C-alpha cells in the first residue's frame, strides 16, 4: 500500500447539500410541526409538493465502504426515506447511548462515488413511520448537529460535520478527523 492511499478519505471525499427547508426569515424561532405520515406534514409549512423537507446531498469519494450519519437521538431522528411518502418504511437505525446512527450507504464491496445523490430526512426525536414531527428550519440550518461517518477502503474512518446552511440553502460537510487501521 502506498502512502498516497492514506490520504484518500480526507482528500477525495466531499459532501455538499442543498436544504429544501424554508429559508431564513425575519421572524422569530419557528415551531416544529407534527402530523401523521402520509397526510402531507410538509404541506403544513407551505411546500407545494406532498413531501417532507430534507437535505439533498451530493457525494464524491474513492473506495467507500459505508456512510452513516450520527446525531443526538434525544433531539433528532434521521431517516434515509421520506416518512410522509413512505409511511411503512422500516428505517435501519441503531443507537449507541444517546447517539443515533443511520446507515445511508453500504455497498456489497467498496465503491467509487461520483456525484452520488442521496437525501437525508431529519425529524424530531420520537418520530416514526406513520407519525412524524418536522423540525423548524432554524434548528436544521445550524452547524454541527449532524456528523457524517465515512469508512474507506484502506481501513480508515473519517468524520465530517455539517456546516451552517447558507442563506441560499446550500452547505457542506467539513472534514473533522480521521482514524486509521479500524476494524470493521
N, C-alpha and C. Protein backbone atom coordinates (compact mmCIF):
# COMPACT_ATOMS: atom_id res chain seq x y z
N UNK A 1 0.85 -1.17 0.00
CA UNK A 1 0.00 0.00 0.00
C UNK A 1 0.90 1.23 0.00
N UNK A 2 0.61 2.16 -0.88
CA UNK A 2 1.43 3.37 -0.97
C UNK A 2 0.97 4.40 0.07
N UNK A 3 1.84 5.35 0.33
CA UNK A 3 1.48 6.41 1.28
C UNK A 3 0.38 7.29 0.74
N UNK A 4 0.30 7.42 -0.58
CA UNK A 4 -0.75 8.25 -1.18
C UNK A 4 -2.14 7.71 -0.84
N UNK A 5 -2.25 6.40 -0.68
CA UNK A 5 -3.54 5.80 -0.37
C UNK A 5 -4.08 6.27 0.97
N UNK A 6 -3.19 6.60 1.89
CA UNK A 6 -3.63 7.03 3.21
C UNK A 6 -4.41 8.35 3.17
N UNK A 7 -4.24 9.12 2.13
CA UNK A 7 -4.92 10.42 2.07
C UNK A 7 -6.25 10.34 1.33
N UNK A 8 -6.64 9.18 0.85
CA UNK A 8 -7.86 9.10 0.05
C UNK A 8 -9.08 9.66 0.76
N UNK A 9 -9.34 9.22 1.94
CA UNK A 9 -10.62 9.57 2.57
C UNK A 9 -10.75 11.08 2.81
N UNK A 10 -9.74 11.69 3.39
CA UNK A 10 -9.88 13.12 3.69
C UNK A 10 -9.61 14.02 2.49
N UNK A 11 -8.92 13.52 1.47
CA UNK A 11 -8.64 14.32 0.28
C UNK A 11 -9.70 14.11 -0.81
N UNK A 12 -10.19 12.88 -0.95
CA UNK A 12 -11.08 12.61 -2.07
C UNK A 12 -12.56 12.71 -1.73
N UNK A 13 -12.89 12.60 -0.46
CA UNK A 13 -14.32 12.60 -0.11
C UNK A 13 -14.81 14.02 0.09
N UNK A 14 -15.98 14.30 -0.46
CA UNK A 14 -16.65 15.56 -0.13
C UNK A 14 -18.15 15.35 -0.26
N UNK A 15 -18.87 16.09 0.54
CA UNK A 15 -20.33 16.04 0.54
C UNK A 15 -20.84 17.47 0.64
N UNK A 16 -21.67 17.84 -0.30
CA UNK A 16 -22.31 19.16 -0.26
C UNK A 16 -23.82 18.94 -0.36
N UNK A 17 -24.56 19.90 0.11
CA UNK A 17 -26.01 19.71 0.15
C UNK A 17 -26.75 20.99 -0.19
N UNK A 18 -28.01 20.78 -0.51
CA UNK A 18 -29.00 21.86 -0.64
C UNK A 18 -30.13 21.48 0.31
N UNK A 19 -30.52 22.42 1.14
CA UNK A 19 -31.63 22.19 2.06
C UNK A 19 -32.92 22.66 1.39
N UNK A 20 -33.95 21.80 1.44
CA UNK A 20 -35.23 22.29 0.93
C UNK A 20 -36.17 22.66 2.07
N UNK A 21 -35.56 22.91 3.26
CA UNK A 21 -36.32 23.51 4.36
C UNK A 21 -36.56 24.97 3.99
N UNK A 22 -37.61 25.58 4.51
CA UNK A 22 -37.83 27.01 4.23
C UNK A 22 -36.60 27.82 4.60
N UNK A 23 -36.32 28.84 3.82
CA UNK A 23 -35.13 29.66 4.03
C UNK A 23 -35.28 30.53 5.27
N UNK A 24 -34.19 31.15 5.64
CA UNK A 24 -34.17 32.06 6.78
C UNK A 24 -35.21 33.14 6.59
N UNK A 25 -35.83 33.55 7.67
CA UNK A 25 -36.83 34.62 7.58
C UNK A 25 -36.53 35.70 8.59
N UNK A 26 -37.39 36.69 8.63
CA UNK A 26 -37.20 37.81 9.55
C UNK A 26 -37.90 37.58 10.88
N UNK A 27 -38.73 36.55 10.97
CA UNK A 27 -39.49 36.31 12.18
C UNK A 27 -38.66 35.65 13.27
N UNK A 28 -39.29 35.33 14.36
CA UNK A 28 -38.64 34.67 15.48
C UNK A 28 -38.46 33.19 15.19
N UNK A 29 -38.07 32.41 16.20
CA UNK A 29 -37.87 30.98 16.00
C UNK A 29 -39.17 30.32 15.54
N UNK A 30 -39.03 29.40 14.61
CA UNK A 30 -40.20 28.70 14.13
C UNK A 30 -40.50 27.50 15.01
N UNK A 31 -41.66 26.92 14.80
CA UNK A 31 -42.12 25.80 15.63
C UNK A 31 -42.06 24.51 14.85
N UNK A 32 -41.87 23.42 15.57
CA UNK A 32 -41.95 22.09 14.95
C UNK A 32 -43.40 21.84 14.54
N UNK A 33 -43.58 21.01 13.50
CA UNK A 33 -44.91 20.68 13.01
C UNK A 33 -45.09 19.18 13.09
N UNK A 34 -46.15 18.74 13.76
CA UNK A 34 -46.44 17.32 13.86
C UNK A 34 -47.61 16.97 12.96
N UNK A 35 -47.56 15.77 12.43
CA UNK A 35 -48.66 15.30 11.60
C UNK A 35 -48.47 13.84 11.28
N UNK A 36 -49.54 13.18 10.92
CA UNK A 36 -49.40 11.78 10.56
C UNK A 36 -48.66 11.64 9.24
N UNK A 37 -47.71 10.72 9.17
CA UNK A 37 -47.04 10.48 7.90
C UNK A 37 -48.09 10.04 6.90
N UNK A 38 -47.91 10.47 5.68
CA UNK A 38 -48.89 10.14 4.64
C UNK A 38 -49.96 11.20 4.51
N UNK A 39 -50.01 12.15 5.45
CA UNK A 39 -51.03 13.21 5.39
C UNK A 39 -50.44 14.52 4.91
N UNK A 40 -49.20 14.49 4.45
CA UNK A 40 -48.61 15.72 3.91
C UNK A 40 -48.17 16.68 4.99
N UNK A 41 -47.42 16.19 5.98
CA UNK A 41 -46.96 17.06 7.07
C UNK A 41 -46.20 18.25 6.53
N UNK A 42 -45.41 18.06 5.46
CA UNK A 42 -44.65 19.17 4.90
C UNK A 42 -45.56 20.23 4.29
N UNK A 43 -46.70 19.82 3.80
CA UNK A 43 -47.63 20.78 3.23
C UNK A 43 -48.10 21.80 4.24
N UNK A 44 -48.00 21.47 5.51
CA UNK A 44 -48.42 22.39 6.56
C UNK A 44 -47.50 23.59 6.67
N UNK A 45 -46.30 23.50 6.09
CA UNK A 45 -45.39 24.64 6.17
C UNK A 45 -45.18 25.29 4.82
N UNK A 46 -46.09 25.02 3.88
CA UNK A 46 -46.09 25.77 2.64
C UNK A 46 -45.32 25.15 1.49
N UNK A 47 -44.83 23.93 1.62
CA UNK A 47 -44.16 23.29 0.49
C UNK A 47 -45.25 22.80 -0.46
N UNK A 48 -45.07 23.03 -1.74
CA UNK A 48 -46.14 22.79 -2.68
C UNK A 48 -46.31 21.33 -3.08
N UNK A 49 -45.28 20.49 -2.88
CA UNK A 49 -45.46 19.08 -3.16
C UNK A 49 -45.60 18.33 -1.85
N UNK A 50 -46.25 17.21 -1.90
CA UNK A 50 -46.57 16.45 -0.69
C UNK A 50 -45.36 15.61 -0.26
N UNK A 51 -44.38 16.26 0.32
CA UNK A 51 -43.16 15.59 0.75
C UNK A 51 -42.59 16.31 1.96
N UNK A 52 -41.77 15.60 2.72
CA UNK A 52 -41.10 16.21 3.87
C UNK A 52 -39.82 16.87 3.41
N UNK A 53 -39.44 17.99 4.03
CA UNK A 53 -38.19 18.65 3.64
C UNK A 53 -36.99 17.82 4.08
N UNK A 54 -35.90 17.98 3.37
CA UNK A 54 -34.69 17.23 3.68
C UNK A 54 -33.45 17.96 3.21
N UNK A 55 -32.32 17.29 3.39
CA UNK A 55 -31.04 17.77 2.88
C UNK A 55 -30.71 16.90 1.68
N UNK A 56 -30.65 17.50 0.50
CA UNK A 56 -30.31 16.79 -0.73
C UNK A 56 -28.79 16.82 -0.86
N UNK A 57 -28.14 15.67 -0.78
CA UNK A 57 -26.68 15.59 -0.64
C UNK A 57 -26.05 14.97 -1.88
N UNK A 58 -24.98 15.62 -2.37
CA UNK A 58 -24.16 15.07 -3.45
C UNK A 58 -22.84 14.66 -2.85
N UNK A 59 -22.41 13.42 -3.17
CA UNK A 59 -21.21 12.85 -2.56
C UNK A 59 -20.23 12.42 -3.64
N UNK A 60 -18.93 12.68 -3.38
CA UNK A 60 -17.83 12.17 -4.19
C UNK A 60 -16.86 11.49 -3.23
N UNK A 61 -16.34 10.33 -3.62
CA UNK A 61 -15.38 9.64 -2.78
C UNK A 61 -14.79 8.44 -3.48
N UNK A 62 -13.66 7.99 -2.98
CA UNK A 62 -12.94 6.86 -3.55
C UNK A 62 -12.92 5.72 -2.53
N UNK A 63 -13.25 4.51 -3.00
CA UNK A 63 -13.21 3.30 -2.18
C UNK A 63 -13.99 3.45 -0.88
N UNK A 64 -15.26 3.80 -0.99
CA UNK A 64 -16.11 4.00 0.18
C UNK A 64 -16.75 2.67 0.58
N UNK A 65 -16.62 2.32 1.86
CA UNK A 65 -17.21 1.09 2.39
C UNK A 65 -18.57 1.33 3.01
N UNK A 66 -18.76 2.50 3.64
CA UNK A 66 -20.07 2.83 4.20
C UNK A 66 -20.12 4.30 4.55
N UNK A 67 -21.35 4.82 4.58
CA UNK A 67 -21.61 6.19 5.03
C UNK A 67 -22.76 6.12 6.02
N UNK A 68 -22.50 6.67 7.21
CA UNK A 68 -23.52 6.74 8.25
C UNK A 68 -23.62 8.18 8.70
N UNK A 69 -24.77 8.55 9.27
CA UNK A 69 -24.88 9.84 9.93
C UNK A 69 -25.12 9.60 11.41
N UNK A 70 -24.49 10.44 12.23
CA UNK A 70 -24.58 10.36 13.68
C UNK A 70 -25.23 11.65 14.18
N UNK A 71 -26.08 11.53 15.20
CA UNK A 71 -26.83 12.68 15.70
C UNK A 71 -27.29 12.40 17.12
N UNK A 72 -27.71 13.44 17.80
CA UNK A 72 -28.23 13.33 19.16
C UNK A 72 -29.63 12.73 19.09
N UNK A 73 -29.74 11.46 19.47
CA UNK A 73 -31.02 10.75 19.36
C UNK A 73 -32.07 11.25 20.36
N UNK A 74 -31.67 12.06 21.32
CA UNK A 74 -32.66 12.64 22.24
C UNK A 74 -33.36 13.84 21.60
N UNK A 75 -32.78 14.37 20.50
CA UNK A 75 -33.37 15.52 19.82
C UNK A 75 -33.79 15.25 18.38
N UNK A 76 -33.10 14.28 17.73
CA UNK A 76 -33.32 14.06 16.31
C UNK A 76 -33.61 12.61 15.99
N UNK A 77 -34.16 12.40 14.82
CA UNK A 77 -34.38 11.09 14.22
C UNK A 77 -34.11 11.31 12.73
N UNK A 78 -33.10 10.67 12.18
CA UNK A 78 -32.72 10.90 10.80
C UNK A 78 -33.03 9.67 9.97
N UNK A 79 -33.71 9.88 8.87
CA UNK A 79 -34.15 8.80 8.00
C UNK A 79 -33.59 8.97 6.59
N UNK A 80 -33.28 7.86 5.91
CA UNK A 80 -32.90 7.96 4.50
C UNK A 80 -34.12 7.98 3.58
N UNK A 81 -35.31 7.94 4.15
CA UNK A 81 -36.55 7.94 3.35
C UNK A 81 -37.53 8.96 3.91
N UNK A 82 -38.32 9.52 3.02
CA UNK A 82 -39.39 10.45 3.39
C UNK A 82 -40.51 9.64 4.04
N UNK A 83 -40.75 9.87 5.31
CA UNK A 83 -41.74 9.06 6.04
C UNK A 83 -43.17 9.52 5.80
N UNK A 84 -43.34 10.65 5.10
CA UNK A 84 -44.68 11.03 4.68
C UNK A 84 -45.06 10.26 3.42
N UNK A 85 -44.12 10.18 2.49
CA UNK A 85 -44.38 9.44 1.26
C UNK A 85 -44.26 7.94 1.44
N UNK A 86 -43.53 7.51 2.47
CA UNK A 86 -43.29 6.09 2.72
C UNK A 86 -43.64 5.74 4.16
N UNK A 87 -44.92 5.80 4.55
CA UNK A 87 -45.28 5.59 5.95
C UNK A 87 -45.03 4.18 6.47
N UNK A 88 -44.75 3.24 5.60
CA UNK A 88 -44.46 1.88 6.08
C UNK A 88 -42.98 1.53 5.97
N UNK A 89 -42.14 2.53 5.69
CA UNK A 89 -40.71 2.29 5.52
C UNK A 89 -40.07 1.89 6.85
N UNK A 90 -39.28 0.84 6.84
CA UNK A 90 -38.57 0.39 8.03
C UNK A 90 -37.16 0.98 8.00
N UNK A 91 -36.93 2.01 8.78
CA UNK A 91 -35.67 2.74 8.76
C UNK A 91 -34.62 2.01 9.60
N UNK A 92 -33.47 1.67 9.00
CA UNK A 92 -32.42 0.96 9.74
C UNK A 92 -31.61 1.91 10.62
N UNK A 93 -32.05 2.08 11.86
CA UNK A 93 -31.40 3.00 12.79
C UNK A 93 -30.96 2.22 14.03
N UNK A 94 -29.80 2.57 14.54
CA UNK A 94 -29.36 1.96 15.80
C UNK A 94 -28.86 3.08 16.71
N UNK A 95 -28.72 2.73 17.97
CA UNK A 95 -28.27 3.71 18.97
C UNK A 95 -27.06 3.20 19.71
N UNK A 96 -26.16 4.12 20.03
CA UNK A 96 -25.05 3.87 20.92
C UNK A 96 -25.16 4.93 22.00
N UNK A 97 -25.83 4.59 23.10
CA UNK A 97 -26.13 5.58 24.13
C UNK A 97 -27.13 6.58 23.58
N UNK A 98 -26.80 7.87 23.65
CA UNK A 98 -27.67 8.92 23.12
C UNK A 98 -27.38 9.27 21.67
N UNK A 99 -26.44 8.55 21.07
CA UNK A 99 -26.09 8.81 19.67
C UNK A 99 -26.92 7.91 18.76
N UNK A 100 -27.67 8.55 17.87
CA UNK A 100 -28.42 7.81 16.86
C UNK A 100 -27.54 7.63 15.64
N UNK A 101 -27.64 6.46 15.00
CA UNK A 101 -26.82 6.16 13.82
C UNK A 101 -27.73 5.63 12.73
N UNK A 102 -27.70 6.29 11.59
CA UNK A 102 -28.47 5.85 10.43
C UNK A 102 -27.49 5.54 9.30
N UNK A 103 -27.57 4.35 8.75
CA UNK A 103 -26.74 3.98 7.60
C UNK A 103 -27.41 4.49 6.33
N UNK A 104 -26.65 5.28 5.56
CA UNK A 104 -27.16 5.83 4.32
C UNK A 104 -26.69 5.07 3.09
N UNK A 105 -25.48 4.47 3.19
CA UNK A 105 -24.89 3.80 2.04
C UNK A 105 -23.96 2.71 2.55
N UNK A 106 -24.16 1.47 2.09
CA UNK A 106 -23.30 0.36 2.46
C UNK A 106 -23.33 -0.65 1.32
N UNK A 107 -22.38 -0.51 0.37
CA UNK A 107 -22.37 -1.41 -0.78
C UNK A 107 -21.80 -2.78 -0.39
N UNK A 108 -22.04 -3.77 -1.23
CA UNK A 108 -21.52 -5.11 -1.01
C UNK A 108 -19.99 -5.10 -1.07
N UNK A 109 -19.43 -4.24 -1.91
CA UNK A 109 -17.99 -4.06 -1.95
C UNK A 109 -17.70 -2.57 -2.09
N UNK A 110 -16.48 -2.17 -1.81
CA UNK A 110 -16.12 -0.76 -1.84
C UNK A 110 -16.51 -0.13 -3.17
N UNK A 111 -16.91 1.13 -3.10
CA UNK A 111 -17.39 1.80 -4.31
C UNK A 111 -16.73 3.17 -4.45
N UNK A 112 -16.47 3.53 -5.69
CA UNK A 112 -16.09 4.90 -6.02
C UNK A 112 -17.38 5.65 -6.31
N UNK A 113 -17.51 6.83 -5.75
CA UNK A 113 -18.74 7.59 -5.88
C UNK A 113 -18.45 8.89 -6.62
N UNK A 114 -19.17 9.11 -7.69
CA UNK A 114 -19.03 10.34 -8.47
C UNK A 114 -20.39 11.00 -8.55
N UNK A 115 -20.52 12.12 -7.85
CA UNK A 115 -21.81 12.83 -7.82
C UNK A 115 -22.96 11.91 -7.44
N UNK A 116 -22.71 11.05 -6.45
CA UNK A 116 -23.74 10.16 -5.92
C UNK A 116 -24.74 11.01 -5.14
N UNK A 117 -26.00 10.77 -5.34
CA UNK A 117 -27.04 11.59 -4.74
C UNK A 117 -27.82 10.80 -3.69
N UNK A 118 -28.04 11.40 -2.54
CA UNK A 118 -28.94 10.82 -1.54
C UNK A 118 -29.61 11.95 -0.79
N UNK A 119 -30.68 11.62 -0.09
CA UNK A 119 -31.41 12.63 0.67
C UNK A 119 -31.48 12.20 2.13
N UNK A 120 -31.27 13.15 3.02
CA UNK A 120 -31.36 12.92 4.46
C UNK A 120 -32.60 13.65 4.95
N UNK A 121 -33.48 12.91 5.63
CA UNK A 121 -34.71 13.50 6.17
C UNK A 121 -34.60 13.58 7.68
N UNK A 122 -34.37 14.78 8.23
CA UNK A 122 -34.30 14.94 9.69
C UNK A 122 -35.69 15.20 10.28
N UNK A 123 -35.98 14.47 11.33
CA UNK A 123 -37.24 14.63 12.07
C UNK A 123 -36.90 14.85 13.55
N UNK A 124 -37.88 15.21 14.32
CA UNK A 124 -37.70 15.33 15.77
C UNK A 124 -37.66 13.93 16.38
N UNK A 125 -36.94 13.80 17.50
CA UNK A 125 -36.89 12.52 18.22
C UNK A 125 -38.31 12.07 18.51
N UNK A 126 -38.52 10.77 18.44
CA UNK A 126 -39.85 10.21 18.68
C UNK A 126 -40.66 10.03 17.41
N UNK A 127 -40.21 10.62 16.31
CA UNK A 127 -40.90 10.42 15.04
C UNK A 127 -40.68 8.98 14.58
N UNK A 128 -41.63 8.49 13.82
CA UNK A 128 -41.52 7.14 13.28
C UNK A 128 -42.39 7.06 12.04
N UNK A 129 -42.19 6.04 11.23
CA UNK A 129 -43.07 5.90 10.07
C UNK A 129 -44.53 5.88 10.53
N UNK A 130 -45.31 6.75 9.96
CA UNK A 130 -46.71 6.84 10.34
C UNK A 130 -47.03 8.02 11.23
N UNK A 131 -46.01 8.61 11.89
CA UNK A 131 -46.23 9.77 12.76
C UNK A 131 -44.94 10.55 12.88
N UNK A 132 -44.84 11.68 12.19
CA UNK A 132 -43.61 12.46 12.16
C UNK A 132 -43.80 13.84 12.75
N UNK A 133 -42.70 14.39 13.26
CA UNK A 133 -42.65 15.79 13.68
C UNK A 133 -41.51 16.43 12.91
N UNK A 134 -41.86 17.43 12.09
CA UNK A 134 -40.86 18.14 11.31
C UNK A 134 -40.21 19.19 12.18
N UNK A 135 -38.90 19.30 12.06
CA UNK A 135 -38.15 20.28 12.83
C UNK A 135 -38.20 21.64 12.13
N UNK A 136 -38.14 22.71 12.90
CA UNK A 136 -38.14 24.04 12.29
C UNK A 136 -36.82 24.29 11.56
N UNK A 137 -36.85 25.11 10.52
CA UNK A 137 -35.64 25.38 9.73
C UNK A 137 -34.49 25.95 10.55
N UNK A 138 -34.78 26.78 11.57
CA UNK A 138 -33.69 27.37 12.33
C UNK A 138 -32.90 26.32 13.10
N UNK A 139 -33.48 25.16 13.37
CA UNK A 139 -32.76 24.06 14.01
C UNK A 139 -31.90 23.33 12.97
N UNK A 140 -32.47 23.03 11.83
CA UNK A 140 -31.79 22.28 10.77
C UNK A 140 -30.66 23.09 10.15
N UNK A 141 -30.81 24.40 10.05
CA UNK A 141 -29.80 25.24 9.41
C UNK A 141 -28.54 25.41 10.25
N UNK A 142 -28.60 25.11 11.53
CA UNK A 142 -27.44 25.27 12.40
C UNK A 142 -26.35 24.26 12.04
N UNK A 143 -25.09 24.60 12.36
CA UNK A 143 -24.00 23.67 12.08
C UNK A 143 -23.86 22.61 13.18
N UNK A 144 -23.17 21.54 12.83
CA UNK A 144 -22.66 20.53 13.76
C UNK A 144 -23.69 19.64 14.44
N UNK A 145 -24.95 19.70 14.10
CA UNK A 145 -25.92 18.79 14.73
C UNK A 145 -25.88 17.41 14.07
N UNK A 146 -25.25 17.33 12.90
CA UNK A 146 -25.19 16.09 12.15
C UNK A 146 -23.75 15.81 11.75
N UNK A 147 -23.30 14.58 12.01
CA UNK A 147 -21.95 14.16 11.63
C UNK A 147 -22.06 13.01 10.64
N UNK A 148 -21.28 13.08 9.59
CA UNK A 148 -21.23 12.00 8.61
C UNK A 148 -19.98 11.18 8.91
N UNK A 149 -20.17 9.87 9.14
CA UNK A 149 -19.04 8.96 9.39
C UNK A 149 -18.84 8.13 8.12
N UNK A 150 -17.66 8.28 7.52
CA UNK A 150 -17.36 7.62 6.26
C UNK A 150 -16.24 6.62 6.48
N UNK A 151 -16.50 5.37 6.11
CA UNK A 151 -15.48 4.32 6.22
C UNK A 151 -14.93 4.07 4.83
N UNK A 152 -13.60 4.10 4.75
CA UNK A 152 -12.94 3.96 3.46
C UNK A 152 -12.29 2.60 3.27
N UNK A 153 -11.84 2.38 2.05
CA UNK A 153 -11.28 1.09 1.65
C UNK A 153 -9.92 0.77 2.23
N UNK A 154 -9.26 1.74 2.84
CA UNK A 154 -7.96 1.49 3.43
C UNK A 154 -8.05 1.42 4.95
N UNK A 155 -9.19 0.95 5.44
CA UNK A 155 -9.44 0.78 6.88
C UNK A 155 -9.30 2.09 7.65
N UNK A 156 -9.81 3.16 7.05
CA UNK A 156 -9.83 4.45 7.73
C UNK A 156 -11.27 4.88 7.92
N UNK A 157 -11.50 5.66 8.96
CA UNK A 157 -12.82 6.20 9.25
C UNK A 157 -12.67 7.70 9.43
N UNK A 158 -13.42 8.46 8.65
CA UNK A 158 -13.35 9.92 8.72
C UNK A 158 -14.68 10.47 9.19
N UNK A 159 -14.61 11.56 9.93
CA UNK A 159 -15.81 12.27 10.39
C UNK A 159 -15.88 13.62 9.71
N UNK A 160 -17.08 13.95 9.23
CA UNK A 160 -17.34 15.23 8.58
C UNK A 160 -18.56 15.84 9.26
N UNK A 161 -18.45 17.09 9.73
CA UNK A 161 -19.55 17.78 10.41
C UNK A 161 -20.31 18.66 9.43
N UNK A 162 -21.62 18.72 9.63
CA UNK A 162 -22.46 19.60 8.83
C UNK A 162 -22.11 21.05 9.15
N UNK A 163 -21.88 21.82 8.10
CA UNK A 163 -21.62 23.25 8.28
C UNK A 163 -22.95 24.00 8.35
N UNK A 164 -22.90 25.26 8.75
CA UNK A 164 -24.12 26.06 8.79
C UNK A 164 -24.66 26.24 7.38
N UNK A 165 -25.95 26.15 7.24
CA UNK A 165 -26.60 26.34 5.95
C UNK A 165 -26.54 27.82 5.57
N UNK A 166 -26.09 28.08 4.35
CA UNK A 166 -26.04 29.45 3.87
C UNK A 166 -27.46 29.96 3.55
N UNK A 167 -27.57 31.23 3.37
CA UNK A 167 -28.89 31.84 3.12
C UNK A 167 -29.56 31.31 1.85
N UNK A 168 -28.76 30.81 0.90
CA UNK A 168 -29.35 30.25 -0.33
C UNK A 168 -29.73 28.77 -0.16
N UNK A 169 -29.55 28.23 1.04
CA UNK A 169 -29.92 26.84 1.32
C UNK A 169 -28.81 25.83 1.08
N UNK A 170 -27.64 26.27 0.62
CA UNK A 170 -26.55 25.34 0.35
C UNK A 170 -25.62 25.20 1.55
N UNK A 171 -24.83 24.15 1.54
CA UNK A 171 -23.85 23.93 2.61
C UNK A 171 -23.01 22.71 2.28
N UNK A 172 -22.13 22.36 3.21
CA UNK A 172 -21.30 21.18 3.02
C UNK A 172 -21.00 20.53 4.35
N UNK A 173 -20.40 19.37 4.25
CA UNK A 173 -19.91 18.66 5.43
C UNK A 173 -18.40 18.89 5.46
N UNK A 174 -17.90 19.40 6.59
CA UNK A 174 -16.50 19.79 6.74
C UNK A 174 -15.72 18.68 7.44
N UNK A 175 -14.54 18.35 6.89
CA UNK A 175 -13.68 17.33 7.47
C UNK A 175 -13.32 17.70 8.91
N UNK A 176 -13.46 16.71 9.82
CA UNK A 176 -13.13 16.93 11.22
C UNK A 176 -11.95 16.07 11.69
N UNK A 177 -11.99 14.76 11.40
CA UNK A 177 -10.91 13.89 11.87
C UNK A 177 -10.91 12.58 11.08
N UNK A 178 -9.79 11.85 11.21
CA UNK A 178 -9.69 10.54 10.58
C UNK A 178 -8.94 9.61 11.52
N UNK A 179 -9.34 8.36 11.56
CA UNK A 179 -8.61 7.33 12.29
C UNK A 179 -8.24 6.24 11.27
N UNK A 180 -7.10 5.62 11.50
CA UNK A 180 -6.59 4.62 10.56
C UNK A 180 -6.51 3.25 11.22
N UNK A 181 -6.67 2.23 10.40
CA UNK A 181 -6.49 0.88 10.88
C UNK A 181 -7.68 0.33 11.65
N UNK A 182 -8.82 0.97 11.53
CA UNK A 182 -10.02 0.49 12.23
C UNK A 182 -10.44 -0.88 11.71
N UNK A 183 -10.98 -1.68 12.57
CA UNK A 183 -11.51 -2.98 12.17
C UNK A 183 -13.02 -2.85 12.05
N UNK A 184 -13.54 -3.13 10.85
CA UNK A 184 -14.98 -3.08 10.63
C UNK A 184 -15.37 -4.05 9.56
